[in-house]
Amino acid sequence: MGTKMSKMNQYIKNLLVIALALVLVNCSEDPIDNFEKGTLTGIAVINGSNIPLENVKISTNPSSSTVFTDVDGNFIIEDIPVEQYSVQAELDGYLTAFEATEITSGVTVNVVFEMDIETANNRPPNTPVLVTPINNAVDVALDTQLVWTGSDPDEDEINYTIELRNDFDDEVLSFSTVNDTMLDITGLRFGLKYFWQVGAKDNINADVIQSVVGVFETINAPENRHVFVRKINGNNVIFSTDTDGNELQLTSSSLNSFRPRQNTAADKIAFLSNSGSETHIFTMDLDGSNMEQITSQVQVNGFNLDEVDFAWTQNGGRLIYPNFDSIYSINVDGTGLQEVYQTTDGSFITEVAISADETFTAVKTNDASGYNVSIFTIDNSGTIIDNVLSGVLGAAGGLDISVDNQTILYWYDVSGFESSNYRQLDSRIFLYNRAMATADDLSDDKDAGTNDFDCRFTPNEAEIIFTNTSNDGVSQRNVLITDTDPNDAGFIRVVFAEDAQMPDFE
């Protein structure tokens, strides 16, 4: 019995050894590091442009190897265990991107990261809302304040651009502020309708968010009685002004408009301006509105358009103007054009003035260079009445007739200098007495080396208004006023408007 039990125990031990050996053999055929694996590849690019991104950090969850993209934006993770992963792409300046993928045994899986810059989710500013002036406001002061509201949902800095246009010309006023929602505006113009708009932009988004367009009208222009011309960017521009020097621009600085002549009966201003390649007479209201071209068939012309002058009758019904050797008359509505005078020797007519009662006309003629000047008066049949100036060297002009028909105003360069550029050296203003056939010098007190010209009577005719400048031909021109009858101290000369010329005062 004992022997059988001993043999049985030995048999069980042998079985256990054999079984353990089989287990060990099977384990050696499947080592612990021989799980199923695959390969993960991919590329990282900028969203929208597909430009490759270098040095993007690529990692996975569950965790595996961490790699970085190469110069072409490519990456590879080899021997990655079979599993479902969330793959992550990180790069400074860009939003972190995620892609889900599943690794399959022995297979290469590819993912593409289209990465957005980190501000991609940033929102642009809110639409600005105009507050002041209220829409369609009238009588807005020329110096005013623009107010609006604005904000940014991400609290970014806001750059505001403000633009104003008007219904008169192509002038555009542009301003900018940062975060401020109000702007002080100065120098708006009388009687204009302005359209204004505010744009808002942050430093991240490309879009400019525009407000609606607001409208307001400035106060009406005063009834200024003085007009003059000022050069702006090479163009003659017409202004009016009151005695306090408050100016109103009447014509656009993009047009060449000059030689303004007011008429109280018509309540308008006539002036010369370009129409295509020609120069014609236009009229406008005293505030610069309602501009109309009067001449069309025969233009205004002469040896030098800067020297040409025209006139209109006191009742405002007709205009007379020169065209080389002829004088034409035209009704203020553009009808009734007719030639009323022509020189007998072919000399050019440069300036004309008509008496208040329309009984005679003062005329200035010259040759093609502006010299060989004659100033005379003619009756309505063309017969010469007065020989005011003739047979002299040098330039002359500036015709005006007193309301009582007794005196004629003109200027003349007493130096007798003549040159190809029509430069004057000592131009003086003279008052010609028709009854006595004498001329008084009104420029006795002018500064040496200066010229007086473009002279006109003021309404009371106790003074004249005129232009003065250095005889160097390039200095600033100013409009002055002086007496026609000097007192014990001589002529009192007062500067009326600086940087101005071609004055008129009615």
Protein backbone atom coordinates (compact mmCIF):
# COMPACT_ATOMS: atom_id res chain seq x y z
CA MET A 1 0.00 0.00 0.00
CA GLY A 2 2.78 2.34 0.90
CA THR A 3 4.59 1.56 -2.31
CA LYS A 4 1.48 2.33 -4.44
CA MET A 5 1.04 5.71 -2.76
CA SER A 6 4.69 6.55 -3.37
CA LYS A 7 4.40 5.69 -7.07
CA MET A 8 1.18 7.73 -7.36
CA ASN A 9 2.84 10.81 -5.87
CA GLN A 10 5.76 10.48 -8.20
CA TYR A 11 3.39 10.28 -11.18
CA ILE A 12 1.58 13.47 -10.12
CA LYS A 13 4.90 15.28 -9.75
CA ASN A 14 5.89 14.23 -13.24
CA LEU A 15 2.60 15.52 -14.67
CA LEU A 16 3.08 18.85 -12.96
CA VAL A 17 6.62 19.18 -14.36
CA ILE A 18 5.37 18.40 -17.87
CA ALA A 19 2.53 20.93 -17.56
CA LEU A 20 4.88 23.63 -16.27
CA ALA A 21 7.24 22.94 -19.14
CA LEU A 22 4.39 23.34 -21.66
CA VAL A 23 3.41 26.68 -20.10
CA LEU A 24 6.97 27.94 -20.29
CA VAL A 25 7.27 26.87 -23.92
CA ASN A 26 4.06 28.75 -24.89
CA CYS A 27 5.16 31.96 -23.08
CA SER A 28 8.46 32.03 -24.91
CA GLU A 29 6.58 32.07 -28.28
CA ASP A 30 4.66 35.34 -27.35
CA PRO A 31 6.98 37.79 -25.50
CA ILE A 32 5.51 40.76 -23.60
CA ASP A 33 6.84 43.38 -26.06
CA ASN A 34 5.28 41.81 -29.16
CA PHE A 35 1.80 43.61 -29.08
CA GLU A 36 0.20 44.73 -32.45
CA LYS A 37 1.44 48.14 -33.73
CA GLY A 38 1.03 50.65 -36.61
CA THR A 39 2.43 53.95 -37.94
CA LEU A 40 1.03 57.48 -37.65
CA THR A 41 2.07 60.15 -40.21
CA GLY A 42 0.73 63.60 -41.00
CA ILE A 43 1.30 67.21 -41.94
CA ALA A 44 0.60 70.56 -40.28
CA VAL A 45 -0.29 73.59 -42.45
CA ILE A 46 -1.77 77.06 -42.02
CA ASN A 47 -5.50 76.96 -42.47
CA GLY A 48 -6.58 78.68 -45.66
CA SER A 49 -3.16 78.96 -47.29
CA ASN A 50 -1.80 75.43 -46.79
CA ILE A 51 1.64 76.78 -45.99
CA PRO A 52 3.61 74.09 -44.09
CA LEU A 53 4.38 74.74 -40.43
CA GLU A 54 7.72 73.68 -38.96
CA ASN A 55 8.41 72.67 -35.32
CA VAL A 56 4.79 71.88 -34.52
CA LYS A 57 4.72 69.62 -31.44
CA ILE A 58 2.75 66.42 -32.12
CA SER A 59 1.59 64.26 -29.19
CA THR A 60 -1.13 61.67 -28.57
CA ASN A 61 -3.63 60.64 -25.92
CA PRO A 62 -3.17 57.88 -24.81
CA SER A 63 0.45 58.86 -24.66
CA SER A 64 2.96 57.63 -27.21
CA SER A 65 6.03 59.26 -28.72
CA THR A 66 6.17 63.08 -29.01
CA VAL A 67 7.64 64.43 -32.26
CA PHE A 68 8.00 67.76 -34.14
CA THR A 69 7.19 68.57 -37.74
CA ASP A 70 10.04 69.12 -40.19
CA VAL A 71 10.57 72.08 -42.52
CA ASP A 72 7.87 70.73 -44.83
CA GLY A 73 5.39 70.36 -41.97
CA ASN A 74 5.59 66.52 -41.97
CA PHE A 75 5.86 64.18 -38.99
CA ILE A 76 5.89 60.42 -38.30
CA ILE A 77 5.37 58.28 -35.20
CA GLU A 78 6.40 54.67 -35.79
CA ASP A 79 5.54 51.54 -33.81
CA ILE A 80 2.52 53.10 -32.15
CA PRO A 81 0.33 50.50 -30.43
CA VAL A 82 -3.03 49.69 -31.95
CA GLU A 83 -5.51 51.99 -30.22
CA GLN A 84 -7.90 54.87 -30.70
CA TYR A 85 -6.06 58.17 -30.22
CA SER A 86 -6.61 61.91 -29.97
CA VAL A 87 -3.67 63.50 -31.75
CA GLN A 88 -2.69 67.02 -30.69
CA ALA A 89 -0.71 69.72 -32.64
CA GLU A 90 0.79 72.68 -30.75
CA LEU A 91 2.74 75.75 -31.97
CA ASP A 92 3.15 79.18 -30.41
CA GLY A 93 0.96 81.74 -32.17
CA TYR A 94 -1.57 79.14 -33.33
CA LEU A 95 -4.61 77.52 -31.81
CA THR A 96 -3.95 73.95 -30.60
CA ALA A 97 -5.51 71.49 -33.02
CA PHE A 98 -6.88 67.99 -32.37
CA GLU A 99 -7.60 65.09 -34.70
CA ALA A 100 -9.11 61.69 -33.74
CA THR A 101 -7.65 58.60 -35.37
CA GLU A 102 -7.46 54.85 -34.92
CA ILE A 103 -4.20 52.94 -35.30
CA THR A 104 -4.53 49.61 -37.13
CA SER A 105 -1.97 46.85 -36.95
CA GLY A 106 0.66 47.11 -39.67
CA VAL A 107 -1.07 50.10 -41.32
CA THR A 108 0.17 53.69 -41.81
CA VAL A 109 -2.51 56.21 -40.78
CA ASN A 110 -2.28 59.83 -41.98
CA VAL A 111 -3.75 62.97 -40.40
CA VAL A 112 -3.75 66.59 -41.58
CA PHE A 113 -3.72 69.55 -39.19
CA GLU A 114 -5.06 72.84 -40.65
CA MET A 115 -4.02 75.24 -37.93
CA ASP A 116 -5.54 78.67 -37.25
CA ILE A 117 -3.58 81.59 -35.82
CA GLU A 118 -4.40 82.10 -32.18
CA THR A 119 -6.52 85.17 -32.98
CA ALA A 120 -8.74 83.29 -35.41
CA ASN A 121 -11.66 83.36 -33.01
CA ASN A 122 -11.23 87.05 -32.24
CA ARG A 123 -14.29 89.13 -33.12
CA PRO A 124 -14.20 92.53 -34.86
CA PRO A 125 -15.49 95.69 -33.13
CA ASN A 126 -19.19 96.35 -32.84
CA THR A 127 -20.77 98.71 -35.34
CA PRO A 128 -20.26 102.36 -34.29
CA VAL A 129 -23.44 104.33 -33.61
CA LEU A 130 -23.50 108.04 -34.49
CA VAL A 131 -24.76 110.30 -31.71
CA THR A 132 -23.96 113.97 -32.36
CA PRO A 133 -24.85 115.86 -34.47
CA ILE A 134 -28.17 114.07 -34.65
CA ASN A 135 -29.13 112.91 -38.10
CA ASN A 136 -30.48 115.69 -40.35
CA ALA A 137 -29.46 118.38 -37.85
CA VAL A 138 -29.41 121.94 -39.25
CA ASP A 139 -27.58 125.13 -38.29
CA VAL A 140 -24.58 123.16 -37.05
CA ALA A 141 -21.68 125.43 -36.12
CA LEU A 142 -18.55 125.46 -38.28
CA ASP A 143 -16.59 124.36 -35.19
CA THR A 144 -18.43 121.39 -33.76
CA GLN A 145 -17.95 118.03 -32.04
CA LEU A 146 -18.66 114.64 -33.56
CA VAL A 147 -19.73 111.97 -31.03
CA TRP A 148 -20.43 108.26 -31.50
CA THR A 149 -20.48 105.07 -29.44
CA GLY A 150 -18.41 101.96 -30.01
CA SER A 151 -17.06 98.84 -28.30
CA ASP A 152 -15.16 95.61 -28.96
CA PRO A 153 -16.46 92.21 -27.74
CA ASP A 154 -12.91 91.09 -26.97
CA GLU A 155 -11.96 94.45 -25.44
CA ASP A 156 -9.33 95.04 -28.13
CA GLU A 157 -8.00 98.52 -28.89
CA ILE A 158 -10.18 100.18 -31.53
CA ASN A 159 -8.88 102.43 -34.30
CA TYR A 160 -11.61 104.80 -35.50
CA THR A 161 -11.54 106.54 -38.87
CA ILE A 162 -13.89 109.46 -39.48
CA GLU A 163 -14.69 110.78 -42.95
CA LEU A 164 -16.75 113.81 -43.98
CA ARG A 165 -17.91 114.79 -47.47
CA ASN A 166 -20.18 117.60 -48.62
CA ASP A 167 -22.75 118.15 -51.34
CA PHE A 168 -20.85 121.06 -52.91
CA ASP A 169 -17.52 119.72 -54.16
CA ASP A 170 -15.17 116.74 -53.90
CA GLU A 171 -13.48 117.83 -50.66
CA VAL A 172 -12.97 114.93 -48.23
CA LEU A 173 -12.06 115.48 -44.58
CA SER A 174 -10.44 112.45 -42.91
CA PHE A 175 -9.48 111.95 -39.27
CA SER A 176 -8.51 109.08 -36.96
CA THR A 177 -8.58 108.36 -33.23
CA VAL A 178 -7.73 105.42 -30.99
CA ASN A 179 -10.49 104.37 -28.58
CA ASP A 180 -11.82 107.96 -28.31
CA THR A 181 -15.43 108.26 -29.44
CA MET A 182 -15.52 112.01 -29.97
CA LEU A 183 -13.71 114.39 -32.28
CA ASP A 184 -13.55 118.20 -32.34
CA ILE A 185 -13.92 119.51 -35.90
CA THR A 186 -13.00 123.05 -36.95
CA GLY A 187 -13.19 124.91 -40.22
CA LEU A 188 -16.36 123.45 -41.72
CA ARG A 189 -17.88 125.61 -44.43
CA PHE A 190 -21.03 127.70 -44.39
CA GLY A 191 -24.31 126.41 -45.73
CA LEU A 192 -23.17 122.94 -46.75
CA LYS A 193 -24.74 119.56 -46.19
CA TYR A 194 -22.15 117.19 -44.71
CA PHE A 195 -22.21 113.39 -44.80
CA TRP A 196 -20.16 111.65 -42.11
CA GLN A 197 -19.30 108.06 -41.30
CA VAL A 198 -17.20 106.31 -38.66
CA GLY A 199 -15.23 103.12 -39.31
CA ALA A 200 -13.96 100.84 -36.51
CA LYS A 201 -11.10 98.32 -36.72
CA ASP A 202 -9.05 96.39 -34.19
CA ASN A 203 -5.43 95.32 -34.72
CA ILE A 204 -6.40 91.71 -35.39
CA ASN A 205 -9.24 91.56 -37.89
CA ALA A 206 -8.91 92.92 -41.42
CA ASP A 207 -12.47 94.16 -41.72
CA VAL A 208 -13.40 97.79 -41.04
CA ILE A 209 -16.85 97.98 -39.49
CA GLN A 210 -18.65 101.05 -40.86
CA SER A 211 -21.41 103.00 -39.19
CA VAL A 212 -24.43 104.26 -41.09
CA VAL A 213 -23.93 107.59 -42.90
CA GLY A 214 -25.05 110.62 -40.90
CA VAL A 215 -26.18 113.92 -42.39
CA PHE A 216 -26.13 117.46 -41.03
CA GLU A 217 -26.14 121.02 -42.41
CA THR A 218 -23.93 123.89 -41.28
CA ILE A 219 -25.16 127.41 -40.59
CA ASN A 220 -25.91 129.63 -43.58
CA ALA A 221 -23.29 132.01 -44.86
CA PRO A 222 -23.37 135.67 -43.88
CA GLU A 223 -24.01 138.23 -46.59
CA ASN A 224 -20.40 139.15 -47.23
CA ARG A 225 -19.84 142.16 -49.48
CA HIS A 226 -16.16 141.60 -50.21
CA VAL A 227 -14.83 138.98 -52.62
CA PHE A 228 -11.29 138.08 -53.62
CA VAL A 229 -9.20 135.28 -55.11
CA ARG A 230 -6.62 133.08 -53.39
CA LYS A 231 -4.29 130.54 -54.98
CA ILE A 232 -4.74 126.99 -53.67
CA ASN A 233 -2.72 124.14 -55.18
CA GLY A 234 -2.19 126.12 -58.37
CA ASN A 235 -5.86 127.05 -58.84
CA ASN A 236 -7.53 130.42 -58.33
CA VAL A 237 -10.28 130.02 -55.73
CA ILE A 238 -12.91 132.66 -54.94
CA PHE A 239 -13.66 133.68 -51.35
CA SER A 240 -15.97 136.19 -49.74
CA THR A 241 -15.38 137.86 -46.39
CA ASP A 242 -16.94 140.31 -43.97
CA THR A 243 -15.20 143.31 -42.42
CA ASP A 244 -14.09 141.15 -39.47
CA GLY A 245 -12.20 138.79 -41.76
CA ASN A 246 -14.62 135.83 -41.51
CA GLU A 247 -14.05 134.06 -44.82
CA LEU A 248 -16.28 131.82 -46.91
CA GLN A 249 -14.88 129.71 -49.75
CA LEU A 250 -17.22 130.03 -52.71
CA THR A 251 -15.62 127.90 -55.43
CA SER A 252 -13.93 124.53 -55.37
CA SER A 253 -10.17 124.38 -54.91
CA SER A 254 -10.10 121.78 -57.70
CA LEU A 255 -11.31 124.39 -60.23
CA ASN A 256 -9.66 127.52 -61.60
CA SER A 257 -12.14 130.35 -60.86
CA PHE A 258 -11.13 134.01 -60.85
CA ARG A 259 -12.00 137.69 -61.45
CA PRO A 260 -15.18 137.80 -59.29
CA ARG A 261 -17.62 140.65 -59.93
CA GLN A 262 -20.60 141.18 -57.61
CA ASN A 263 -23.93 142.73 -58.60
CA THR A 264 -26.32 143.85 -55.88
CA ALA A 265 -29.31 144.06 -58.23
CA ALA A 266 -28.87 140.47 -59.39
CA ASP A 267 -27.75 139.35 -55.92
CA LYS A 268 -25.15 137.19 -57.59
CA ILE A 269 -21.44 136.99 -58.34
CA ALA A 270 -20.12 136.64 -61.88
CA PHE A 271 -16.66 135.17 -62.45
CA LEU A 272 -14.39 133.51 -64.98
CA SER A 273 -13.71 129.78 -64.96
CA ASN A 274 -12.69 126.99 -67.26
CA SER A 275 -15.13 124.97 -69.33
CA GLY A 276 -13.05 122.32 -71.01
CA SER A 277 -10.18 124.13 -72.73
CA GLU A 278 -12.04 127.47 -72.86
CA THR A 279 -12.65 130.27 -70.37
CA HIS A 280 -16.23 131.44 -69.88
CA ILE A 281 -18.35 133.64 -67.64
CA PHE A 282 -20.26 131.92 -64.85
CA THR A 283 -22.60 133.23 -62.15
CA MET A 284 -23.36 131.92 -58.67
CA ASP A 285 -25.31 132.90 -55.60
CA LEU A 286 -23.51 134.85 -52.88
CA ASP A 287 -22.89 131.62 -50.94
CA GLY A 288 -21.36 129.84 -53.94
CA SER A 289 -24.44 127.79 -54.82
CA ASN A 290 -26.45 127.61 -58.05
CA MET A 291 -23.48 127.99 -60.36
CA GLU A 292 -24.43 128.57 -64.02
CA GLN A 293 -22.39 128.99 -67.18
CA ILE A 294 -23.48 132.12 -69.09
CA THR A 295 -21.25 132.28 -72.17
CA SER A 296 -20.76 129.33 -74.50
CA GLN A 297 -20.57 130.30 -78.22
CA VAL A 298 -17.84 132.93 -77.82
CA GLN A 299 -15.39 132.50 -74.97
CA VAL A 300 -13.57 135.13 -72.95
CA ASN A 301 -10.06 135.55 -74.32
CA GLY A 302 -7.12 137.91 -74.62
CA PHE A 303 -3.34 138.10 -74.50
CA ASN A 304 -3.28 136.87 -70.87
CA LEU A 305 -6.37 135.48 -69.13
CA ASP A 306 -5.03 136.53 -65.72
CA GLU A 307 -5.27 140.14 -66.92
CA VAL A 308 -8.65 139.90 -68.69
CA ASP A 309 -11.61 141.61 -67.03
CA PHE A 310 -15.32 141.89 -67.85
CA ALA A 311 -18.22 143.93 -66.49
CA TRP A 312 -21.94 143.82 -66.11
CA THR A 313 -24.57 146.48 -66.09
CA GLN A 314 -25.68 147.95 -62.80
CA ASN A 315 -29.16 146.44 -63.16
CA GLY A 316 -27.60 142.99 -63.58
CA GLY A 317 -29.21 142.41 -66.95
CA ARG A 318 -26.19 142.24 -69.27
CA LEU A 319 -22.54 141.28 -69.22
CA ILE A 320 -19.87 142.66 -71.55
CA TYR A 321 -16.55 140.93 -72.11
CA PRO A 322 -13.54 140.87 -74.45
CA ASN A 323 -12.53 138.30 -77.01
CA PHE A 324 -9.24 139.38 -78.52
CA ASP A 325 -10.07 142.49 -80.63
CA SER A 326 -13.83 142.52 -79.95
CA ILE A 327 -16.29 143.29 -77.16
CA TYR A 328 -19.34 141.07 -76.79
CA SER A 329 -22.56 141.65 -74.89
CA ILE A 330 -24.74 138.86 -73.50
CA ASN A 331 -27.85 138.74 -71.35
CA VAL A 332 -27.36 137.29 -67.87
CA ASP A 333 -29.54 134.30 -68.85
CA GLY A 334 -27.15 133.45 -71.70
CA THR A 335 -29.28 134.83 -74.53
CA GLY A 336 -28.79 137.84 -76.81
CA LEU A 337 -25.10 137.38 -77.64
CA GLN A 338 -23.84 140.15 -79.92
CA GLU A 339 -20.60 141.87 -80.88
CA VAL A 340 -20.78 145.53 -79.79
CA TYR A 341 -17.29 146.82 -80.61
CA GLN A 342 -14.15 145.88 -82.52
CA THR A 343 -10.81 147.64 -82.60
CA THR A 344 -9.82 149.21 -85.91
CA ASP A 345 -6.13 148.36 -85.66
CA GLY A 346 -6.45 144.75 -84.53
CA SER A 347 -5.17 145.47 -81.01
CA PHE A 348 -6.41 143.19 -78.24
CA ILE A 349 -9.08 144.31 -75.79
CA THR A 350 -8.10 143.13 -72.32
CA GLU A 351 -10.40 145.01 -69.94
CA VAL A 352 -13.80 146.71 -70.09
CA ALA A 353 -15.95 148.67 -67.64
CA ILE A 354 -19.42 150.10 -68.24
CA SER A 355 -20.87 153.24 -66.63
CA ALA A 356 -23.79 152.95 -64.22
CA ASP A 357 -26.14 154.66 -66.69
CA GLU A 358 -24.76 152.55 -69.58
CA THR A 359 -23.94 155.61 -71.66
CA PHE A 360 -20.28 154.82 -72.18
CA THR A 361 -17.69 152.07 -71.76
CA ALA A 362 -14.07 152.25 -70.64
CA VAL A 363 -11.72 150.05 -72.67
CA LYS A 364 -8.09 148.96 -72.30
CA THR A 365 -6.27 147.69 -75.38
CA ASN A 366 -2.76 146.36 -75.87
CA ASP A 367 -0.66 144.32 -78.28
CA ALA A 368 -0.11 140.57 -78.10
CA SER A 369 2.57 141.04 -75.41
CA GLY A 370 0.35 143.20 -73.19
CA TYR A 371 2.11 146.47 -74.03
CA ASN A 372 1.49 149.46 -76.32
CA VAL A 373 -1.40 150.19 -73.96
CA SER A 374 -4.33 152.51 -74.59
CA ILE A 375 -7.10 153.32 -72.13
CA PHE A 376 -10.06 155.22 -73.53
CA THR A 377 -13.83 155.55 -73.35
CA ILE A 378 -16.37 155.01 -76.13
CA ASP A 379 -20.06 155.79 -76.47
CA ASN A 380 -22.60 153.20 -77.56
CA SER A 381 -21.80 153.82 -81.22
CA GLY A 382 -18.10 153.10 -80.65
CA THR A 383 -16.93 156.69 -80.90
CA ILE A 384 -13.98 157.55 -78.65
CA ILE A 385 -14.87 160.09 -75.94
CA ASP A 386 -11.88 160.21 -73.57
CA ASN A 387 -8.23 159.36 -74.18
CA VAL A 388 -7.23 158.36 -70.63
CA LEU A 389 -3.78 156.82 -71.28
CA SER A 390 -1.82 156.15 -74.47
CA GLY A 391 1.62 156.37 -76.02
CA VAL A 392 3.41 155.03 -72.94
CA LEU A 393 5.71 152.11 -72.20
CA GLY A 394 4.82 149.49 -69.59
CA ALA A 395 1.73 147.67 -68.38
CA ALA A 396 -1.61 149.15 -67.27
CA GLY A 397 -5.16 148.07 -66.39
CA GLY A 398 -7.65 147.88 -63.55
CA LEU A 399 -10.60 149.84 -65.04
CA ASP A 400 -13.49 151.10 -62.93
CA ILE A 401 -15.90 154.02 -63.38
CA SER A 402 -17.32 156.17 -60.59
CA VAL A 403 -21.10 156.16 -60.19
CA ASP A 404 -21.31 159.83 -61.24
CA ASN A 405 -19.32 159.10 -64.43
CA GLN A 406 -16.76 161.80 -63.52
CA THR A 407 -13.70 159.69 -62.74
CA ILE A 408 -12.02 156.56 -64.05
CA LEU A 409 -9.78 154.35 -61.94
CA TYR A 410 -6.80 152.51 -63.42
CA TRP A 411 -3.26 151.39 -62.62
CA TYR A 412 -0.08 151.97 -64.63
CA ASP A 413 3.56 150.86 -64.26
CA VAL A 414 5.30 154.24 -64.27
CA SER A 415 8.70 152.57 -64.65
CA GLY A 416 7.84 151.81 -68.27
CA PHE A 417 9.48 148.41 -67.84
CA GLU A 418 8.58 145.76 -70.41
CA SER A 419 9.56 142.08 -70.37
CA SER A 420 8.47 138.76 -71.81
CA ASN A 421 7.03 137.63 -68.46
CA TYR A 422 4.93 140.83 -68.08
CA ARG A 423 6.67 141.82 -64.86
CA GLN A 424 5.96 145.28 -63.41
CA LEU A 425 8.38 147.33 -61.30
CA ASP A 426 6.40 150.33 -60.05
CA SER A 427 2.69 149.98 -60.74
CA ARG A 428 0.62 152.80 -59.24
CA ILE A 429 -3.09 153.55 -59.05
CA PHE A 430 -4.43 156.67 -60.73
CA LEU A 431 -7.75 158.50 -60.58
CA TYR A 432 -8.52 160.14 -63.91
CA ASN A 433 -10.76 163.23 -63.84
CA ARG A 434 -12.71 163.30 -67.11
CA ALA A 435 -13.61 166.98 -66.92
CA MET A 436 -10.05 168.13 -66.30
CA ALA A 437 -8.31 165.35 -68.22
CA THR A 438 -5.86 164.91 -65.32
CA ALA A 439 -4.81 161.88 -63.26
CA ASP A 440 -3.98 161.85 -59.54
CA ASP A 441 -1.53 159.29 -58.16
CA LEU A 442 -3.19 157.37 -55.26
CA SER A 443 -0.10 155.26 -54.55
CA ASP A 444 2.19 157.97 -53.18
CA ASP A 445 2.48 156.17 -49.84
CA LYS A 446 3.07 152.64 -51.08
CA ASP A 447 6.28 150.86 -50.09
CA ALA A 448 9.16 151.15 -52.50
CA GLY A 449 9.67 148.04 -54.61
CA THR A 450 5.99 147.11 -54.58
CA ASN A 451 3.16 147.22 -57.12
CA ASP A 452 -0.46 148.42 -56.70
CA PHE A 453 -2.98 146.97 -59.18
CA ASP A 454 -6.43 145.30 -59.52
CA CYS A 455 -8.07 148.49 -58.22
CA ARG A 456 -11.82 148.96 -57.64
CA PHE A 457 -14.00 151.63 -56.06
CA THR A 458 -15.63 150.75 -52.74
CA PRO A 459 -19.42 151.39 -52.59
CA ASN A 460 -19.03 154.88 -51.06
CA GLU A 461 -16.20 155.68 -53.51
CA ALA A 462 -14.29 157.44 -50.74
CA GLU A 463 -11.92 154.47 -50.77
CA ILE A 464 -10.49 151.99 -53.22
CA ILE A 465 -9.72 148.32 -52.72
CA PHE A 466 -6.73 146.87 -54.57
CA THR A 467 -3.91 144.30 -54.64
CA ASN A 468 -0.36 145.01 -53.50
CA THR A 469 2.74 142.84 -53.77
CA SER A 470 6.50 142.99 -54.15
CA ASN A 471 7.73 143.70 -57.65
CA ASP A 472 9.83 140.50 -57.52
CA GLY A 473 6.89 138.73 -59.14
CA VAL A 474 6.81 135.80 -56.71
CA SER A 475 5.93 137.22 -53.28
CA GLN A 476 2.57 136.91 -51.55
CA ARG A 477 -0.21 139.20 -52.71
CA ASN A 478 -2.43 141.06 -50.26
CA VAL A 479 -5.62 143.08 -50.64
CA LEU A 480 -5.48 146.63 -49.22
CA ILE A 481 -7.90 149.55 -48.83
CA THR A 482 -6.90 153.22 -49.07
CA ASP A 483 -8.50 156.65 -49.37
CA THR A 484 -9.14 158.40 -52.66
CA ASP A 485 -8.57 161.79 -50.98
CA PRO A 486 -5.54 161.93 -48.67
CA ASN A 487 -5.59 163.76 -45.32
CA ASP A 488 -2.71 165.63 -43.73
CA ALA A 489 -0.99 162.34 -42.94
CA GLY A 490 -1.27 161.17 -46.53
CA PHE A 491 -3.02 158.06 -47.79
CA ILE A 492 -4.01 155.59 -45.09
CA ARG A 493 -3.34 152.09 -46.42
CA VAL A 494 -4.82 149.16 -44.49
CA VAL A 495 -4.31 145.45 -45.25
CA PHE A 496 -7.78 143.97 -45.68
CA ALA A 497 -7.02 140.35 -46.66
CA GLU A 498 -3.71 138.50 -46.73
CA ASP A 499 -2.72 136.06 -49.47
CA ALA A 500 -5.42 137.51 -51.71
CA GLN A 501 -5.89 139.26 -55.05
CA MET A 502 -8.53 140.36 -57.62
CA PRO A 503 -10.79 142.04 -55.01
CA ASP A 504 -14.29 143.44 -55.47
CA PHE A 505 -16.49 145.30 -52.98
CA GLU A 506 -20.11 146.14 -53.72
